[in-house]
Amino acid sequence: MAELSVEEKLKSLYELQLIDSQLDELEILKGELPMEVSDLEDEIAGLETRIRRLSESVEDLEDEIARYNMNIAESKALIERYNKQLDNVKNNREYEALTKEIELQTLEIQLAEKKIREAEGAKAAKQETLDKTKERLEAKKADLERKKVELQAIQEKTEKDEQKLKRKSDRARKKIEERLLRSYEKIRSSYRNGLAVVTVQRDSCGGCFNKVPPQLQLEISMRKKVIVCEHCGRILVDENILVETPAEEEA
């Protein structure tokens, strides 16, 4: 492929900028919806993880309460057995040993009941948090569904134009050498409006609106080299660069 002249390179860059600017306008039409949808999906994933962990905590507390109730039942069974044995004791030593065991099991019951109350309190708090988190999740899911419907409606409306412009953008990029394309993308990513190639309008840069010296304007109009704005770094072209050979429209 023959080396393009500087003028042809500038024309290709400016054509690409016009196409990409139209794509940017379609993105603006979507507004913050894509980001909001993505944020909501992340938040929902986080809430689902939290619900799973809270549910596991509630189940663990229920298991803990069940174990303490089992311990209480075992202690009560032992107390009942020891009380029956008291009727058949033969000496004070046996009586004292059984009495001590009964006291010990009574303390075990009291301790288990205390642990149950604590676990029940913790479970109630976890369950309340779990219920509120579930309510929040449902609200977020409903919000996500609404925003997805809105976004889909916009995408359906703009999809044809967007696909057409993307194809034009891809074709335009193939005509531009890699080094220039990298510079274009770097400049473009530096500004929210995505303008990397701008025309000189009313003696000023079309990007930052700072004055462009007459001598520099003359050089720009000659299209002999790539010139950037000394203030913002955008590539400058003259207003009439596409007048003679306008960009071809896609059939």
Protein backbone atom coordinates (compact mmCIF):
# COMPACT_ATOMS: atom_id res chain seq x y z
CA MET A 1 0.00 0.00 0.00
CA ALA A 2 1.35 3.41 -1.00
CA GLU A 3 2.32 5.81 1.78
CA LEU A 4 -0.45 8.33 2.41
CA SER A 5 0.37 12.02 2.23
CA VAL A 6 0.08 14.09 5.39
CA GLU A 7 -3.07 15.68 3.98
CA GLU A 8 -4.64 12.26 3.42
CA LYS A 9 -3.65 11.19 6.92
CA LEU A 10 -5.26 14.30 8.40
CA LYS A 11 -8.41 13.75 6.38
CA SER A 12 -8.62 10.13 7.55
CA LEU A 13 -8.13 11.18 11.18
CA TYR A 14 -10.79 13.87 10.95
CA GLU A 15 -13.22 11.49 9.22
CA LEU A 16 -12.64 8.99 12.04
CA GLN A 17 -13.24 11.72 14.62
CA LEU A 18 -16.57 12.67 13.01
CA ILE A 19 -17.68 9.02 13.04
CA ASP A 20 -16.57 8.43 16.63
CA SER A 21 -18.28 11.65 17.73
CA GLN A 22 -21.56 10.34 16.32
CA LEU A 23 -21.03 7.12 18.28
CA ASP A 24 -20.38 9.21 21.38
CA GLU A 25 -23.68 11.01 20.83
CA LEU A 26 -25.50 7.68 20.80
CA GLU A 27 -23.80 6.76 24.08
CA ILE A 28 -24.90 10.10 25.54
CA LEU A 29 -28.45 9.24 24.48
CA LYS A 30 -28.21 6.15 26.68
CA GLY A 31 -27.11 8.45 29.49
CA GLU A 32 -25.95 6.83 32.72
CA LEU A 33 -28.18 3.78 32.22
CA PRO A 34 -25.43 1.30 31.22
CA MET A 35 -23.37 2.27 34.27
CA GLU A 36 -26.44 2.21 36.53
CA VAL A 37 -27.36 -1.26 35.25
CA SER A 38 -23.81 -2.49 35.86
CA ASP A 39 -23.72 -0.95 39.36
CA LEU A 40 -27.08 -2.49 40.25
CA GLU A 41 -25.93 -5.92 39.03
CA ASP A 42 -22.82 -5.63 41.22
CA GLU A 43 -24.91 -4.49 44.19
CA ILE A 44 -27.37 -7.35 43.73
CA ALA A 45 -24.51 -9.85 43.60
CA GLY A 46 -23.17 -8.36 46.85
CA LEU A 47 -26.59 -8.54 48.53
CA GLU A 48 -27.05 -12.15 47.44
CA THR A 49 -23.66 -13.02 48.95
CA ARG A 50 -24.63 -11.24 52.17
CA ILE A 51 -27.98 -13.06 52.30
CA ARG A 52 -26.22 -16.40 51.85
CA ARG A 53 -23.81 -15.64 54.70
CA LEU A 54 -26.57 -14.36 56.98
CA SER A 55 -28.65 -17.47 56.25
CA GLU A 56 -25.68 -19.65 57.11
CA SER A 57 -25.19 -17.69 60.38
CA VAL A 58 -28.86 -18.17 61.30
CA GLU A 59 -28.59 -21.90 60.57
CA ASP A 60 -25.41 -22.14 62.67
CA LEU A 61 -27.18 -20.43 65.59
CA GLU A 62 -30.15 -22.77 65.23
CA ASP A 63 -27.75 -25.74 65.34
CA GLU A 64 -26.09 -24.23 68.40
CA ILE A 65 -29.46 -23.80 70.15
CA ALA A 66 -30.37 -27.39 69.27
CA ARG A 67 -27.10 -28.63 70.80
CA TYR A 68 -27.74 -26.70 74.03
CA ASN A 69 -31.31 -28.09 74.22
CA MET A 70 -29.87 -31.56 73.77
CA ASN A 71 -27.38 -30.90 76.57
CA ILE A 72 -30.24 -29.70 78.80
CA ALA A 73 -32.22 -32.87 78.04
CA GLU A 74 -29.19 -35.02 78.87
CA SER A 75 -28.58 -33.12 82.13
CA LYS A 76 -32.25 -33.47 83.14
CA ALA A 77 -32.09 -37.20 82.42
CA LEU A 78 -28.97 -37.48 84.60
CA ILE A 79 -30.61 -35.49 87.41
CA GLU A 80 -33.64 -37.78 87.27
CA ARG A 81 -31.38 -40.84 87.45
CA TYR A 82 -29.32 -39.39 90.32
CA ASN A 83 -32.50 -38.53 92.25
CA LYS A 84 -33.65 -42.15 91.95
CA GLN A 85 -30.24 -43.32 93.14
CA LEU A 86 -30.54 -41.09 96.20
CA ASP A 87 -33.34 -43.34 97.43
CA ASN A 88 -30.91 -46.24 97.60
CA VAL A 89 -27.77 -44.60 99.05
CA LYS A 90 -26.08 -46.53 101.84
CA ASN A 91 -23.79 -43.84 103.27
CA ASN A 92 -23.14 -40.11 103.41
CA ARG A 93 -20.26 -40.36 100.93
CA GLU A 94 -22.56 -41.72 98.22
CA TYR A 95 -25.23 -39.17 99.13
CA GLU A 96 -22.79 -36.26 98.86
CA ALA A 97 -21.37 -37.55 95.56
CA LEU A 98 -24.86 -37.82 94.02
CA THR A 99 -25.89 -34.43 95.40
CA LYS A 100 -22.75 -32.89 93.92
CA GLU A 101 -23.53 -34.45 90.52
CA ILE A 102 -27.10 -33.11 90.67
CA GLU A 103 -25.78 -29.61 91.46
CA LEU A 104 -23.26 -29.89 88.64
CA GLN A 105 -25.93 -30.91 86.12
CA THR A 106 -28.21 -28.12 87.41
CA LEU A 107 -25.41 -25.64 86.73
CA GLU A 108 -24.94 -27.18 83.26
CA ILE A 109 -28.64 -26.59 82.58
CA GLN A 110 -28.45 -22.99 83.78
CA LEU A 111 -25.37 -22.36 81.65
CA ALA A 112 -27.00 -23.94 78.58
CA GLU A 113 -30.17 -21.88 79.12
CA LYS A 114 -28.03 -18.73 79.33
CA LYS A 115 -26.26 -19.71 76.09
CA ILE A 116 -29.63 -20.37 74.44
CA ARG A 117 -30.91 -16.91 75.39
CA GLU A 118 -27.75 -15.34 73.96
CA ALA A 119 -27.99 -17.42 70.78
CA GLU A 120 -31.71 -16.61 70.43
CA GLY A 121 -30.91 -12.91 70.74
CA ALA A 122 -28.14 -13.17 68.15
CA LYS A 123 -30.42 -15.19 65.87
CA ALA A 124 -33.21 -12.62 66.14
CA ALA A 125 -30.78 -9.82 65.22
CA LYS A 126 -29.37 -11.81 62.29
CA GLN A 127 -32.86 -12.72 61.12
CA GLU A 128 -33.98 -9.08 61.23
CA THR A 129 -30.92 -8.07 59.17
CA LEU A 130 -31.57 -10.96 56.81
CA ASP A 131 -35.22 -9.97 56.29
CA LYS A 132 -34.27 -6.32 55.61
CA THR A 133 -31.51 -7.41 53.22
CA LYS A 134 -33.98 -9.61 51.33
CA GLU A 135 -36.40 -6.68 51.05
CA ARG A 136 -33.58 -4.48 49.77
CA LEU A 137 -32.57 -7.15 47.27
CA GLU A 138 -36.10 -7.37 45.88
CA ALA A 139 -36.25 -3.58 45.54
CA LYS A 140 -32.90 -3.53 43.73
CA LYS A 141 -34.01 -6.33 41.41
CA ALA A 142 -37.16 -4.41 40.53
CA ASP A 143 -35.10 -1.26 39.93
CA LEU A 144 -32.68 -3.22 37.74
CA GLU A 145 -35.52 -4.67 35.69
CA ARG A 146 -36.95 -1.18 35.05
CA LYS A 147 -33.60 0.22 34.00
CA LYS A 148 -32.91 -2.76 31.75
CA VAL A 149 -36.23 -2.18 29.99
CA GLU A 150 -35.36 1.51 29.53
CA LEU A 151 -31.90 0.67 28.23
CA GLN A 152 -33.20 -1.98 25.88
CA ALA A 153 -35.70 0.45 24.41
CA ILE A 154 -32.93 2.96 23.72
CA GLN A 155 -30.61 0.27 22.34
CA GLU A 156 -33.30 -1.02 20.00
CA LYS A 157 -33.87 2.52 18.79
CA THR A 158 -30.17 3.24 18.18
CA GLU A 159 -28.80 -0.23 17.38
CA LYS A 160 -29.02 0.09 13.59
CA ASP A 161 -27.27 3.45 13.54
CA GLU A 162 -24.71 2.28 16.09
CA GLN A 163 -23.78 -0.84 14.10
CA LYS A 164 -23.51 1.20 10.92
CA LEU A 165 -21.21 3.74 12.58
CA LYS A 166 -19.07 1.04 14.18
CA ARG A 167 -18.48 -0.53 10.78
CA LYS A 168 -17.53 2.88 9.37
CA SER A 169 -15.23 3.49 12.34
CA ASP A 170 -13.50 0.13 11.83
CA ARG A 171 -12.97 0.85 8.13
CA ALA A 172 -11.64 4.32 8.87
CA ARG A 173 -9.17 2.95 11.42
CA LYS A 174 -7.71 0.55 8.85
CA LYS A 175 -6.64 3.52 6.73
CA ILE A 176 -4.64 5.11 9.56
CA GLU A 177 -1.13 4.02 10.51
CA GLU A 178 -0.74 2.45 13.95
CA ARG A 179 1.36 5.26 15.45
CA LEU A 180 -1.16 7.96 14.52
CA LEU A 181 -4.04 5.80 15.65
CA ARG A 182 -2.44 5.28 19.07
CA SER A 183 -1.92 9.04 19.44
CA TYR A 184 -5.53 9.66 18.39
CA GLU A 185 -6.87 7.16 20.95
CA LYS A 186 -4.64 8.55 23.70
CA ILE A 187 -5.78 12.13 23.10
CA ARG A 188 -9.39 11.04 22.73
CA SER A 189 -9.35 9.18 26.04
CA SER A 190 -7.97 12.28 27.79
CA TYR A 191 -11.15 14.31 27.26
CA ARG A 192 -14.70 13.60 28.31
CA ASN A 193 -16.09 14.83 24.99
CA GLY A 194 -13.77 12.43 23.12
CA LEU A 195 -12.44 15.12 20.77
CA ALA A 196 -8.92 14.36 19.54
CA VAL A 197 -9.07 16.05 16.11
CA VAL A 198 -10.67 19.50 15.90
CA THR A 199 -10.91 22.31 13.37
CA VAL A 200 -9.73 25.87 13.81
CA GLN A 201 -12.84 28.00 14.24
CA ARG A 202 -12.79 31.78 14.51
CA ASP A 203 -9.01 31.71 14.90
CA SER A 204 -9.35 29.37 17.90
CA CYS A 205 -8.86 25.68 18.69
CA GLY A 206 -12.19 23.87 18.35
CA GLY A 207 -11.37 21.86 21.47
CA CYS A 208 -10.11 24.26 24.12
CA PHE A 209 -11.05 27.55 22.36
CA ASN A 210 -7.64 29.11 22.89
CA LYS A 211 -6.38 31.39 20.13
CA VAL A 212 -4.31 29.84 17.36
CA PRO A 213 -1.56 32.18 16.03
CA PRO A 214 -1.98 33.28 12.36
CA GLN A 215 1.31 31.68 11.31
CA LEU A 216 0.21 28.35 12.81
CA GLN A 217 -3.16 28.66 11.07
CA LEU A 218 -1.33 29.08 7.77
CA GLU A 219 0.70 25.94 8.41
CA ILE A 220 -2.47 24.06 9.33
CA SER A 221 -4.17 25.12 6.09
CA MET A 222 -1.18 23.87 4.08
CA ARG A 223 -1.71 20.33 5.48
CA LYS A 224 1.99 19.47 5.24
CA LYS A 225 2.42 18.18 8.79
CA VAL A 226 0.45 17.08 11.80
CA ILE A 227 0.05 20.05 14.13
CA VAL A 228 -1.32 19.92 17.67
CA CYS A 229 -2.77 22.67 19.83
CA GLU A 230 -0.09 24.02 22.15
CA HIS A 231 -2.69 24.35 24.93
CA CYS A 232 -4.66 21.09 24.87
CA GLY A 233 -2.63 18.79 22.63
CA ARG A 234 -5.49 18.06 20.20
CA ILE A 235 -4.70 17.59 16.51
CA LEU A 236 -5.68 20.68 14.55
CA VAL A 237 -7.10 20.71 10.99
CA ASP A 238 -8.60 23.48 8.89
CA GLU A 239 -12.35 23.80 8.50
CA ASN A 240 -12.31 22.99 4.80
CA ILE A 241 -10.30 19.78 5.00
CA LEU A 242 -13.23 17.62 3.87
CA VAL A 243 -14.86 20.07 1.49
CA GLU A 244 -13.03 18.87 -1.62
CA THR A 245 -13.30 15.15 -0.88
CA PRO A 246 -16.07 14.60 1.64
CA ALA A 247 -16.29 11.33 3.53
CA GLU A 248 -18.20 8.72 1.61
CA GLU A 249 -21.51 7.66 3.05
CA GLU A 250 -22.10 3.96 3.58
CA ALA A 251 -24.52 2.50 1.13
